[in-house]
Amino acid sequence: MMAFIGSVMLALCGIPLAYTTWKTQDASQINTVFLVMWSVGEVLLAASYYHEIPLMINYIANILALLVIWHVKLKA
């Protein structure tokens, strides 16, 4: 149960940044190196722990948030 709650809380961390980025259509203040490291980390962890459902909630939510942020950043 703790893993599930922890994963949900971590999954929620990327949503405010993705929402603000989408709403303002501005990702210029988000460091590209940070986005690359966050993206690689999420994808590698998701590939490593694909069988752990609570962890996958976190990884999928963060990957979706990253896709929104990358979309806006690359569009500029």
N, C-alpha and C. Protein backbone atom coordinates (compact mmCIF):
# COMPACT_ATOMS: atom_id res chain seq x y z
N MET A 1 0.82 -1.20 0.00
CA MET A 1 0.00 0.00 0.00
C MET A 1 0.87 1.27 0.00
N MET A 2 1.97 1.24 0.73
CA MET A 2 2.84 2.41 0.76
C MET A 2 3.45 2.68 -0.61
N ALA A 3 3.80 1.60 -1.33
CA ALA A 3 4.37 1.78 -2.68
C ALA A 3 3.35 2.42 -3.61
N PHE A 4 2.11 2.02 -3.49
CA PHE A 4 1.06 2.59 -4.33
C PHE A 4 0.88 4.08 -4.04
N ILE A 5 0.78 4.44 -2.77
CA ILE A 5 0.61 5.84 -2.39
C ILE A 5 1.82 6.65 -2.82
N GLY A 6 3.01 6.12 -2.60
CA GLY A 6 4.23 6.82 -3.01
C GLY A 6 4.28 7.03 -4.51
N SER A 7 3.90 6.02 -5.27
CA SER A 7 3.90 6.14 -6.73
C SER A 7 2.90 7.16 -7.21
N VAL A 8 1.75 7.19 -6.61
CA VAL A 8 0.73 8.18 -6.99
C VAL A 8 1.23 9.58 -6.68
N MET A 9 1.83 9.76 -5.51
CA MET A 9 2.34 11.08 -5.14
C MET A 9 3.44 11.53 -6.11
N LEU A 10 4.36 10.64 -6.46
CA LEU A 10 5.41 10.99 -7.41
C LEU A 10 4.84 11.24 -8.80
N ALA A 11 3.83 10.49 -9.17
CA ALA A 11 3.21 10.67 -10.48
C ALA A 11 2.59 12.06 -10.59
N LEU A 12 2.07 12.56 -9.48
CA LEU A 12 1.42 13.87 -9.49
C LEU A 12 2.42 15.02 -9.58
N CYS A 13 3.68 14.76 -9.30
CA CYS A 13 4.70 15.83 -9.29
C CYS A 13 4.89 16.49 -10.66
N GLY A 14 4.84 15.74 -11.73
CA GLY A 14 5.08 16.29 -13.05
C GLY A 14 3.88 16.99 -13.65
N ILE A 15 2.70 16.72 -13.14
CA ILE A 15 1.47 17.26 -13.72
C ILE A 15 1.39 18.78 -13.65
N PRO A 16 1.71 19.43 -12.51
CA PRO A 16 1.63 20.90 -12.49
C PRO A 16 2.57 21.56 -13.51
N LEU A 17 3.76 21.03 -13.67
CA LEU A 17 4.70 21.59 -14.64
C LEU A 17 4.18 21.40 -16.06
N ALA A 18 3.66 20.21 -16.35
CA ALA A 18 3.10 19.96 -17.68
C ALA A 18 1.89 20.86 -17.94
N TYR A 19 1.04 21.04 -16.95
CA TYR A 19 -0.15 21.88 -17.12
C TYR A 19 0.24 23.33 -17.38
N THR A 20 1.15 23.86 -16.57
CA THR A 20 1.59 25.24 -16.75
C THR A 20 2.26 25.44 -18.09
N THR A 21 3.08 24.48 -18.48
CA THR A 21 3.77 24.56 -19.77
C THR A 21 2.76 24.56 -20.90
N TRP A 22 1.76 23.69 -20.83
CA TRP A 22 0.74 23.61 -21.87
C TRP A 22 -0.10 24.89 -21.91
N LYS A 23 -0.48 25.37 -20.74
CA LYS A 23 -1.34 26.55 -20.66
C LYS A 23 -0.64 27.78 -21.20
N THR A 24 0.62 27.98 -20.84
CA THR A 24 1.35 29.17 -21.28
C THR A 24 2.03 28.97 -22.63
N GLN A 25 2.13 27.72 -23.07
CA GLN A 25 2.85 27.38 -24.30
C GLN A 25 4.28 27.92 -24.27
N ASP A 26 4.88 27.87 -23.08
CA ASP A 26 6.25 28.35 -22.93
C ASP A 26 7.04 27.37 -22.07
N ALA A 27 8.08 26.80 -22.67
CA ALA A 27 8.97 25.89 -21.95
C ALA A 27 10.40 26.41 -21.98
N SER A 28 10.55 27.68 -22.28
CA SER A 28 11.90 28.24 -22.44
C SER A 28 12.68 28.25 -21.14
N GLN A 29 12.00 28.28 -20.01
CA GLN A 29 12.69 28.31 -18.71
C GLN A 29 13.03 26.92 -18.19
N ILE A 30 12.62 25.89 -18.91
CA ILE A 30 12.90 24.52 -18.47
C ILE A 30 14.19 24.07 -19.15
N ASN A 31 15.16 23.72 -18.35
CA ASN A 31 16.48 23.33 -18.84
C ASN A 31 16.40 22.05 -19.67
N THR A 32 16.99 22.08 -20.86
CA THR A 32 16.96 20.92 -21.76
C THR A 32 17.71 19.73 -21.16
N VAL A 33 18.82 19.97 -20.50
CA VAL A 33 19.59 18.87 -19.88
C VAL A 33 18.73 18.19 -18.81
N PHE A 34 18.00 18.98 -18.03
CA PHE A 34 17.09 18.42 -17.04
C PHE A 34 16.04 17.53 -17.70
N LEU A 35 15.45 18.01 -18.79
CA LEU A 35 14.43 17.23 -19.49
C LEU A 35 15.00 15.94 -20.06
N VAL A 36 16.20 15.99 -20.61
CA VAL A 36 16.83 14.79 -21.16
C VAL A 36 17.08 13.78 -20.04
N MET A 37 17.64 14.24 -18.93
CA MET A 37 17.93 13.31 -17.82
C MET A 37 16.64 12.74 -17.23
N TRP A 38 15.62 13.56 -17.07
CA TRP A 38 14.34 13.10 -16.54
C TRP A 38 13.73 12.08 -17.50
N SER A 39 13.76 12.36 -18.79
CA SER A 39 13.18 11.47 -19.80
C SER A 39 13.89 10.11 -19.82
N VAL A 40 15.20 10.14 -19.88
CA VAL A 40 15.97 8.89 -19.93
C VAL A 40 15.73 8.09 -18.65
N GLY A 41 15.74 8.76 -17.51
CA GLY A 41 15.50 8.07 -16.24
C GLY A 41 14.14 7.40 -16.20
N GLU A 42 13.11 8.11 -16.61
CA GLU A 42 11.75 7.54 -16.58
C GLU A 42 11.61 6.35 -17.53
N VAL A 43 12.14 6.47 -18.73
CA VAL A 43 12.02 5.38 -19.71
C VAL A 43 12.80 4.15 -19.24
N LEU A 44 14.01 4.34 -18.75
CA LEU A 44 14.80 3.20 -18.28
C LEU A 44 14.17 2.52 -17.07
N LEU A 45 13.66 3.32 -16.13
CA LEU A 45 13.01 2.73 -14.96
C LEU A 45 11.72 2.02 -15.35
N ALA A 46 10.96 2.59 -16.26
CA ALA A 46 9.73 1.93 -16.72
C ALA A 46 10.06 0.60 -17.38
N ALA A 47 11.14 0.57 -18.16
CA ALA A 47 11.53 -0.68 -18.82
C ALA A 47 12.02 -1.71 -17.80
N SER A 48 12.63 -1.25 -16.73
CA SER A 48 13.17 -2.16 -15.72
C SER A 48 12.10 -2.70 -14.78
N TYR A 49 11.08 -1.90 -14.49
CA TYR A 49 10.07 -2.28 -13.50
C TYR A 49 8.68 -2.42 -14.11
N TYR A 50 8.61 -2.86 -15.36
CA TYR A 50 7.32 -2.96 -16.05
C TYR A 50 6.34 -3.89 -15.34
N HIS A 51 6.83 -4.80 -14.52
CA HIS A 51 5.98 -5.76 -13.83
C HIS A 51 5.45 -5.24 -12.49
N GLU A 52 5.91 -4.09 -12.05
CA GLU A 52 5.48 -3.50 -10.78
C GLU A 52 4.42 -2.43 -11.05
N ILE A 53 3.17 -2.80 -10.90
CA ILE A 53 2.06 -1.91 -11.24
C ILE A 53 2.13 -0.57 -10.49
N PRO A 54 2.35 -0.54 -9.17
CA PRO A 54 2.39 0.78 -8.51
C PRO A 54 3.47 1.69 -9.08
N LEU A 55 4.62 1.14 -9.40
CA LEU A 55 5.69 1.96 -9.97
C LEU A 55 5.35 2.42 -11.38
N MET A 56 4.67 1.59 -12.13
CA MET A 56 4.32 1.95 -13.50
C MET A 56 3.36 3.14 -13.54
N ILE A 57 2.52 3.28 -12.52
CA ILE A 57 1.64 4.44 -12.45
C ILE A 57 2.48 5.71 -12.46
N ASN A 58 3.52 5.72 -11.65
CA ASN A 58 4.43 6.86 -11.59
C ASN A 58 5.12 7.09 -12.93
N TYR A 59 5.69 6.04 -13.49
CA TYR A 59 6.47 6.19 -14.71
C TYR A 59 5.60 6.64 -15.89
N ILE A 60 4.43 6.05 -16.03
CA ILE A 60 3.54 6.42 -17.14
C ILE A 60 3.07 7.86 -17.00
N ALA A 61 2.68 8.26 -15.79
CA ALA A 61 2.23 9.64 -15.59
C ALA A 61 3.34 10.63 -15.90
N ASN A 62 4.55 10.33 -15.45
CA ASN A 62 5.66 11.24 -15.70
C ASN A 62 6.07 11.25 -17.17
N ILE A 63 5.98 10.12 -17.83
CA ILE A 63 6.29 10.09 -19.27
C ILE A 63 5.27 10.91 -20.04
N LEU A 64 4.01 10.83 -19.65
CA LEU A 64 2.98 11.65 -20.30
C LEU A 64 3.23 13.14 -20.05
N ALA A 65 3.59 13.49 -18.82
CA ALA A 65 3.91 14.88 -18.51
C ALA A 65 5.11 15.34 -19.35
N LEU A 66 6.10 14.50 -19.47
CA LEU A 66 7.28 14.83 -20.26
C LEU A 66 6.94 15.03 -21.73
N LEU A 67 6.05 14.20 -22.25
CA LEU A 67 5.65 14.36 -23.65
C LEU A 67 5.01 15.72 -23.90
N VAL A 68 4.19 16.17 -22.96
CA VAL A 68 3.57 17.49 -23.09
C VAL A 68 4.64 18.58 -23.08
N ILE A 69 5.55 18.49 -22.12
CA ILE A 69 6.59 19.51 -21.99
C ILE A 69 7.50 19.52 -23.21
N TRP A 70 7.93 18.33 -23.67
CA TRP A 70 8.78 18.26 -24.87
C TRP A 70 8.06 18.83 -26.09
N HIS A 71 6.76 18.53 -26.21
CA HIS A 71 5.98 19.03 -27.34
C HIS A 71 6.06 20.56 -27.40
N VAL A 72 5.81 21.19 -26.26
CA VAL A 72 5.82 22.65 -26.21
C VAL A 72 7.25 23.18 -26.43
N LYS A 73 8.23 22.53 -25.81
CA LYS A 73 9.62 23.00 -25.92
C LYS A 73 10.12 22.91 -27.37
N LEU A 74 9.82 21.83 -28.04
CA LEU A 74 10.30 21.64 -29.40
C LEU A 74 9.53 22.47 -30.42
N LYS A 75 8.32 22.87 -30.07
CA LYS A 75 7.51 23.68 -30.94
C LYS A 75 8.01 25.12 -31.03
N ALA A 76 8.68 25.55 -29.98
CA ALA A 76 9.14 26.96 -29.92
C ALA A 76 10.27 27.25 -30.88
